[in-house]
Amino acid sequence: MENTNVVNPTAQSADTPIGINQSEKQFALIVYILQAVSIFVGITSIVGVIMNHVKSGSLTDPVIQSHNSWQIRTFWWMLLWSALCMILTTVTFGIGAILFLVPLVWYIYRIVKGIMRLNDGQQI
């Protein structure tokens, strides 16, 4: 009689992340690093988002696709909020400059969260 309750040791559970494409993972990590460096050298985030847009059509791994989308949205929202803060700072003769901290903290949060999820092999 056949036992149907035998557990297959090679089967993965639903919480175990399936191996992700390592070259695509490395690409996503490089863009996260470019975004992080852009806090000090602003131009690197522009390089990162260009890389994201160029590579977005050829990514095959769904985990990396989610990170790519996250990185693109992070860049464009940060650009929008920075422009609004700049306008507000100009209109208020510099008083609004403190508001730049809000998008900066949000930007750092998005980078850190993305790197942690990427490191765990999880979608974002």
Protein backbone atom coordinates (compact mmCIF):
# COMPACT_ATOMS: atom_id res chain seq x y z
CA MET A 1 0.00 0.00 0.00
CA GLU A 2 1.30 3.44 -0.91
CA ASN A 3 1.80 6.03 1.83
CA THR A 4 0.62 9.45 0.62
CA ASN A 5 1.68 11.26 3.81
CA VAL A 6 5.41 11.07 3.08
CA VAL A 7 7.01 14.50 3.09
CA ASN A 8 9.29 15.31 0.18
CA PRO A 9 12.45 16.87 1.68
CA THR A 10 13.19 18.77 -1.54
CA ALA A 11 9.79 20.49 -1.62
CA GLN A 12 9.80 24.08 -0.41
CA SER A 13 7.17 25.55 1.85
CA ALA A 14 5.19 28.67 0.96
CA ASP A 15 7.33 30.88 3.23
CA THR A 16 10.65 29.71 1.83
CA PRO A 17 11.78 32.12 -0.86
CA ILE A 18 12.61 30.48 -4.16
CA GLY A 19 16.12 31.21 -5.39
CA ILE A 20 16.24 34.49 -7.26
CA ASN A 21 18.34 35.39 -10.27
CA GLN A 22 21.67 36.46 -8.77
CA SER A 23 22.74 38.80 -11.58
CA GLU A 24 19.40 40.61 -11.39
CA LYS A 25 19.70 40.73 -7.59
CA GLN A 26 23.16 42.27 -7.95
CA PHE A 27 21.72 44.83 -10.38
CA ALA A 28 19.03 45.82 -7.85
CA LEU A 29 21.62 46.09 -5.09
CA ILE A 30 23.80 48.36 -7.23
CA VAL A 31 20.83 50.67 -7.82
CA TYR A 32 20.08 50.74 -4.07
CA ILE A 33 23.71 51.69 -3.45
CA LEU A 34 23.49 54.43 -6.08
CA GLN A 35 20.36 55.74 -4.39
CA ALA A 36 22.05 55.71 -0.98
CA VAL A 37 25.14 57.50 -2.28
CA SER A 38 22.88 60.12 -3.87
CA ILE A 39 22.12 61.45 -0.39
CA PHE A 40 25.63 62.90 -0.52
CA VAL A 41 26.22 63.03 -4.31
CA GLY A 42 22.85 63.73 -5.95
CA ILE A 43 23.73 62.62 -9.48
CA THR A 44 24.00 58.91 -8.66
CA SER A 45 20.25 58.52 -8.19
CA ILE A 46 19.74 59.80 -11.74
CA VAL A 47 22.15 57.14 -13.00
CA GLY A 48 20.25 54.54 -10.97
CA VAL A 49 16.81 55.45 -12.32
CA ILE A 50 18.12 55.46 -15.89
CA MET A 51 19.49 51.97 -15.26
CA ASN A 52 16.08 50.94 -13.85
CA HIS A 53 14.18 52.21 -16.87
CA VAL A 54 16.61 50.63 -19.35
CA LYS A 55 16.58 47.25 -17.60
CA SER A 56 12.89 47.11 -16.65
CA GLY A 57 11.75 45.35 -19.82
CA SER A 58 14.32 42.58 -19.59
CA LEU A 59 13.97 41.57 -15.93
CA THR A 60 12.60 38.05 -15.57
CA ASP A 61 12.54 37.51 -11.80
CA PRO A 62 9.29 38.76 -10.18
CA VAL A 63 11.13 39.61 -6.95
CA ILE A 64 13.56 41.86 -8.81
CA GLN A 65 10.76 43.34 -10.92
CA SER A 66 9.07 44.47 -7.72
CA HIS A 67 12.31 46.03 -6.48
CA ASN A 68 12.84 47.74 -9.83
CA SER A 69 9.38 49.27 -9.66
CA TRP A 70 9.99 50.30 -6.02
CA GLN A 71 13.26 52.00 -6.97
CA ILE A 72 11.69 53.88 -9.87
CA ARG A 73 8.78 55.11 -7.72
CA THR A 74 11.18 56.09 -4.94
CA PHE A 75 13.21 58.25 -7.33
CA TRP A 76 10.27 60.03 -8.95
CA TRP A 77 8.40 60.67 -5.69
CA MET A 78 11.59 61.98 -4.08
CA LEU A 79 12.11 64.31 -7.04
CA LEU A 80 8.53 65.58 -6.75
CA TRP A 81 8.69 66.15 -2.98
CA SER A 82 12.09 67.84 -3.26
CA ALA A 83 10.79 70.20 -5.95
CA LEU A 84 7.77 71.07 -3.79
CA CYS A 85 10.03 71.70 -0.79
CA MET A 86 12.27 73.88 -2.92
CA ILE A 87 9.31 75.96 -4.11
CA LEU A 88 8.01 76.28 -0.55
CA THR A 89 11.46 77.28 0.69
CA THR A 90 11.68 79.96 -2.00
CA VAL A 91 8.20 81.31 -1.28
CA THR A 92 8.79 81.45 2.48
CA PHE A 93 12.28 83.01 2.11
CA GLY A 94 14.06 79.96 3.53
CA ILE A 95 11.73 79.07 6.39
CA GLY A 96 10.46 76.01 4.51
CA ALA A 97 13.97 74.52 4.30
CA ILE A 98 13.30 72.38 7.37
CA LEU A 99 10.69 70.49 5.33
CA PHE A 100 13.50 68.90 3.28
CA LEU A 101 14.00 66.53 6.21
CA VAL A 102 10.63 64.85 5.63
CA PRO A 103 11.35 63.52 2.11
CA LEU A 104 14.95 62.77 3.12
CA VAL A 105 13.85 60.51 5.99
CA TRP A 106 11.25 58.89 3.72
CA TYR A 107 13.92 58.31 1.04
CA ILE A 108 16.32 56.69 3.52
CA TYR A 109 13.49 54.50 4.83
CA ARG A 110 12.65 53.30 1.30
CA ILE A 111 16.29 52.46 0.54
CA VAL A 112 16.83 50.59 3.82
CA LYS A 113 13.54 48.68 3.53
CA GLY A 114 14.32 47.75 -0.08
CA ILE A 115 17.82 46.49 0.72
CA MET A 116 16.54 44.44 3.65
CA ARG A 117 13.77 42.83 1.56
CA LEU A 118 16.21 42.20 -1.31
CA ASN A 119 18.67 40.58 1.08
CA ASP A 120 15.87 38.29 2.32
CA GLY A 121 14.90 37.46 -1.27
CA GLN A 122 11.43 38.92 -0.83
CA GLN A 123 9.29 41.12 -3.04
CA ILE A 124 8.59 44.64 -1.99
